[in-house]
Amino acid sequence: MVSIFRKKEPSEQCLSVEEPLVILRALEKEEVSLMEEKQELLARKEKLQLQANEKIETMRLRTQTLKSEISELKRQIEELEKFVSATSDSQTTSFS
């Protein structure tokens, strides 16, 4: 009968010590890799957020400019309408 509690051979002892070390090294390597990927993703996210904020600001400025231009055009149209109606009123009264 084979004994369950037999002494391990020296080569088996070496393997059992090396195995956890190999696993630890692999896990450390994976952790470093994942941390690098996380840093890259965070940097990418920050860059995209900055680009989005720049676009937002650009669009706000454009809409503000358009609102100002529209307001000015409305004022000019109102002025022209008053001038045209005043001129046409004076012409109709002078012909009567």
C-alpha atoms as a PDB file:
ATOM      1  CA  MET A   1       0.000   0.000   0.000  1.00  0.00           C
ATOM      2  CA  VAL A   2       1.213   3.452  -0.905  1.00  0.00           C
ATOM      3  CA  SER A   3       1.523   5.836   1.958  1.00  0.00           C
ATOM      4  CA  ILE A   4      -0.394   9.137   1.579  1.00  0.00           C
ATOM      5  CA  PHE A   5       1.962  10.915   3.913  1.00  0.00           C
ATOM      6  CA  ARG A   6       5.138   9.878   2.193  1.00  0.00           C
ATOM      7  CA  LYS A   7       8.064  12.248   2.086  1.00  0.00           C
ATOM      8  CA  LYS A   8       8.354  14.286  -1.057  1.00  0.00           C
ATOM      9  CA  GLU A   9      11.310  13.893  -3.289  1.00  0.00           C
ATOM     10  CA  PRO A  10      13.634  16.938  -3.366  1.00  0.00           C
ATOM     11  CA  SER A  11      12.617  17.661  -6.979  1.00  0.00           C
ATOM     12  CA  GLU A  12       8.937  17.589  -5.988  1.00  0.00           C
ATOM     13  CA  GLN A  13       9.591  20.019  -3.127  1.00  0.00           C
ATOM     14  CA  CYS A  14      11.335  22.378  -5.508  1.00  0.00           C
ATOM     15  CA  LEU A  15       8.397  22.250  -7.914  1.00  0.00           C
ATOM     16  CA  SER A  16       5.882  22.935  -5.191  1.00  0.00           C
ATOM     17  CA  VAL A  17       7.832  26.029  -4.071  1.00  0.00           C
ATOM     18  CA  GLU A  18       8.351  27.256  -7.633  1.00  0.00           C
ATOM     19  CA  GLU A  19       4.713  26.846  -8.611  1.00  0.00           C
ATOM     20  CA  PRO A  20       3.406  29.598  -6.278  1.00  0.00           C
ATOM     21  CA  LEU A  21       6.257  31.847  -7.387  1.00  0.00           C
ATOM     22  CA  VAL A  22       5.349  31.289 -11.026  1.00  0.00           C
ATOM     23  CA  ILE A  23       1.709  32.033 -10.260  1.00  0.00           C
ATOM     24  CA  LEU A  24       2.655  35.161  -8.283  1.00  0.00           C
ATOM     25  CA  ARG A  25       4.872  36.436 -11.097  1.00  0.00           C
ATOM     26  CA  ALA A  26       2.132  35.815 -13.642  1.00  0.00           C
ATOM     27  CA  LEU A  27      -0.404  37.629 -11.466  1.00  0.00           C
ATOM     28  CA  GLU A  28       1.976  40.549 -10.925  1.00  0.00           C
ATOM     29  CA  LYS A  29       2.575  40.776 -14.645  1.00  0.00           C
ATOM     30  CA  GLU A  30      -1.163  40.715 -15.316  1.00  0.00           C
ATOM     31  CA  GLU A  31      -1.752  43.362 -12.648  1.00  0.00           C
ATOM     32  CA  VAL A  32       0.867  45.657 -14.167  1.00  0.00           C
ATOM     33  CA  SER A  33      -0.639  45.137 -17.595  1.00  0.00           C
ATOM     34  CA  LEU A  34      -4.141  45.920 -16.324  1.00  0.00           C
ATOM     35  CA  MET A  35      -2.929  49.032 -14.488  1.00  0.00           C
ATOM     36  CA  GLU A  36      -1.245  50.270 -17.674  1.00  0.00           C
ATOM     37  CA  GLU A  37      -4.434  49.663 -19.644  1.00  0.00           C
ATOM     38  CA  LYS A  38      -6.444  51.495 -16.985  1.00  0.00           C
ATOM     39  CA  GLN A  39      -4.077  54.489 -17.131  1.00  0.00           C
ATOM     40  CA  GLU A  40      -4.307  54.571 -20.932  1.00  0.00           C
ATOM     41  CA  LEU A  41      -8.100  54.465 -20.761  1.00  0.00           C
ATOM     42  CA  LEU A  42      -8.219  57.214 -18.140  1.00  0.00           C
ATOM     43  CA  ALA A  43      -5.947  59.407 -20.260  1.00  0.00           C
ATOM     44  CA  ARG A  44      -8.090  58.731 -23.315  1.00  0.00           C
ATOM     45  CA  LYS A  45     -11.256  59.557 -21.364  1.00  0.00           C
ATOM     46  CA  GLU A  46      -9.767  62.824 -20.118  1.00  0.00           C
ATOM     47  CA  LYS A  47      -8.689  63.785 -23.631  1.00  0.00           C
ATOM     48  CA  LEU A  48     -12.176  63.070 -24.993  1.00  0.00           C
ATOM     49  CA  GLN A  49     -13.791  65.053 -22.178  1.00  0.00           C
ATOM     50  CA  LEU A  50     -11.554  68.019 -22.992  1.00  0.00           C
ATOM     51  CA  GLN A  51     -12.458  67.748 -26.674  1.00  0.00           C
ATOM     52  CA  ALA A  52     -16.158  67.583 -25.788  1.00  0.00           C
ATOM     53  CA  ASN A  53     -15.843  70.651 -23.563  1.00  0.00           C
ATOM     54  CA  GLU A  54     -14.052  72.534 -26.353  1.00  0.00           C
ATOM     55  CA  LYS A  55     -16.819  71.630 -28.814  1.00  0.00           C
ATOM     56  CA  ILE A  56     -19.460  72.722 -26.328  1.00  0.00           C
ATOM     57  CA  GLU A  57     -17.758  76.074 -25.847  1.00  0.00           C
ATOM     58  CA  THR A  58     -17.344  76.551 -29.602  1.00  0.00           C
ATOM     59  CA  MET A  59     -21.018  75.780 -30.196  1.00  0.00           C
ATOM     60  CA  ARG A  60     -22.070  78.136 -27.391  1.00  0.00           C
ATOM     61  CA  LEU A  61     -20.029  80.930 -28.936  1.00  0.00           C
ATOM     62  CA  ARG A  62     -21.490  80.238 -32.385  1.00  0.00           C
ATOM     63  CA  THR A  63     -25.052  80.217 -31.089  1.00  0.00           C
ATOM     64  CA  GLN A  64     -24.434  83.415 -29.149  1.00  0.00           C
ATOM     65  CA  THR A  65     -23.016  85.032 -32.297  1.00  0.00           C
ATOM     66  CA  LEU A  66     -26.019  83.849 -34.313  1.00  0.00           C
ATOM     67  CA  LYS A  67     -28.427  85.217 -31.704  1.00  0.00           C
ATOM     68  CA  SER A  68     -26.665  88.584 -31.857  1.00  0.00           C
ATOM     69  CA  GLU A  69     -26.719  88.586 -35.665  1.00  0.00           C
ATOM     70  CA  ILE A  70     -30.437  87.686 -35.685  1.00  0.00           C
ATOM     71  CA  SER A  71     -31.202  90.416 -33.192  1.00  0.00           C
ATOM     72  CA  GLU A  72     -29.314  92.948 -35.330  1.00  0.00           C
ATOM     73  CA  LEU A  73     -31.083  91.789 -38.497  1.00  0.00           C
ATOM     74  CA  LYS A  74     -34.474  92.106 -36.808  1.00  0.00           C
ATOM     75  CA  ARG A  75     -33.589  95.635 -35.697  1.00  0.00           C
ATOM     76  CA  GLN A  76     -32.501  96.570 -39.243  1.00  0.00           C
ATOM     77  CA  ILE A  77     -35.690  95.061 -40.731  1.00  0.00           C
ATOM     78  CA  GLU A  78     -37.837  96.939 -38.245  1.00  0.00           C
ATOM     79  CA  GLU A  79     -36.033 100.156 -39.119  1.00  0.00           C
ATOM     80  CA  LEU A  80     -36.463  99.544 -42.847  1.00  0.00           C
ATOM     81  CA  GLU A  81     -40.145  98.682 -42.418  1.00  0.00           C
ATOM     82  CA  LYS A  82     -40.725 101.934 -40.542  1.00  0.00           C
ATOM     83  CA  PHE A  83     -38.874 103.884 -43.221  1.00  0.00           C
ATOM     84  CA  VAL A  84     -40.764 102.174 -46.064  1.00  0.00           C
ATOM     85  CA  SER A  85     -44.162 102.616 -44.417  1.00  0.00           C
ATOM     86  CA  ALA A  86     -43.396 106.261 -43.577  1.00  0.00           C
ATOM     87  CA  THR A  87     -42.263 106.923 -47.149  1.00  0.00           C
ATOM     88  CA  SER A  88     -45.291 105.218 -48.707  1.00  0.00           C
ATOM     89  CA  ASP A  89     -47.653 107.098 -46.367  1.00  0.00           C
ATOM     90  CA  SER A  90     -46.134 110.438 -47.331  1.00  0.00           C
ATOM     91  CA  GLN A  91     -46.368 109.582 -51.057  1.00  0.00           C
ATOM     92  CA  THR A  92     -50.045 108.633 -50.851  1.00  0.00           C
ATOM     93  CA  THR A  93     -50.928 111.802 -48.978  1.00  0.00           C
ATOM     94  CA  SER A  94     -49.030 113.993 -51.446  1.00  0.00           C
ATOM     95  CA  PHE A  95     -50.907 112.469 -54.396  1.00  0.00           C
ATOM     96  CA  SER A  96     -54.339 113.062 -52.858  1.00  0.00           C
END
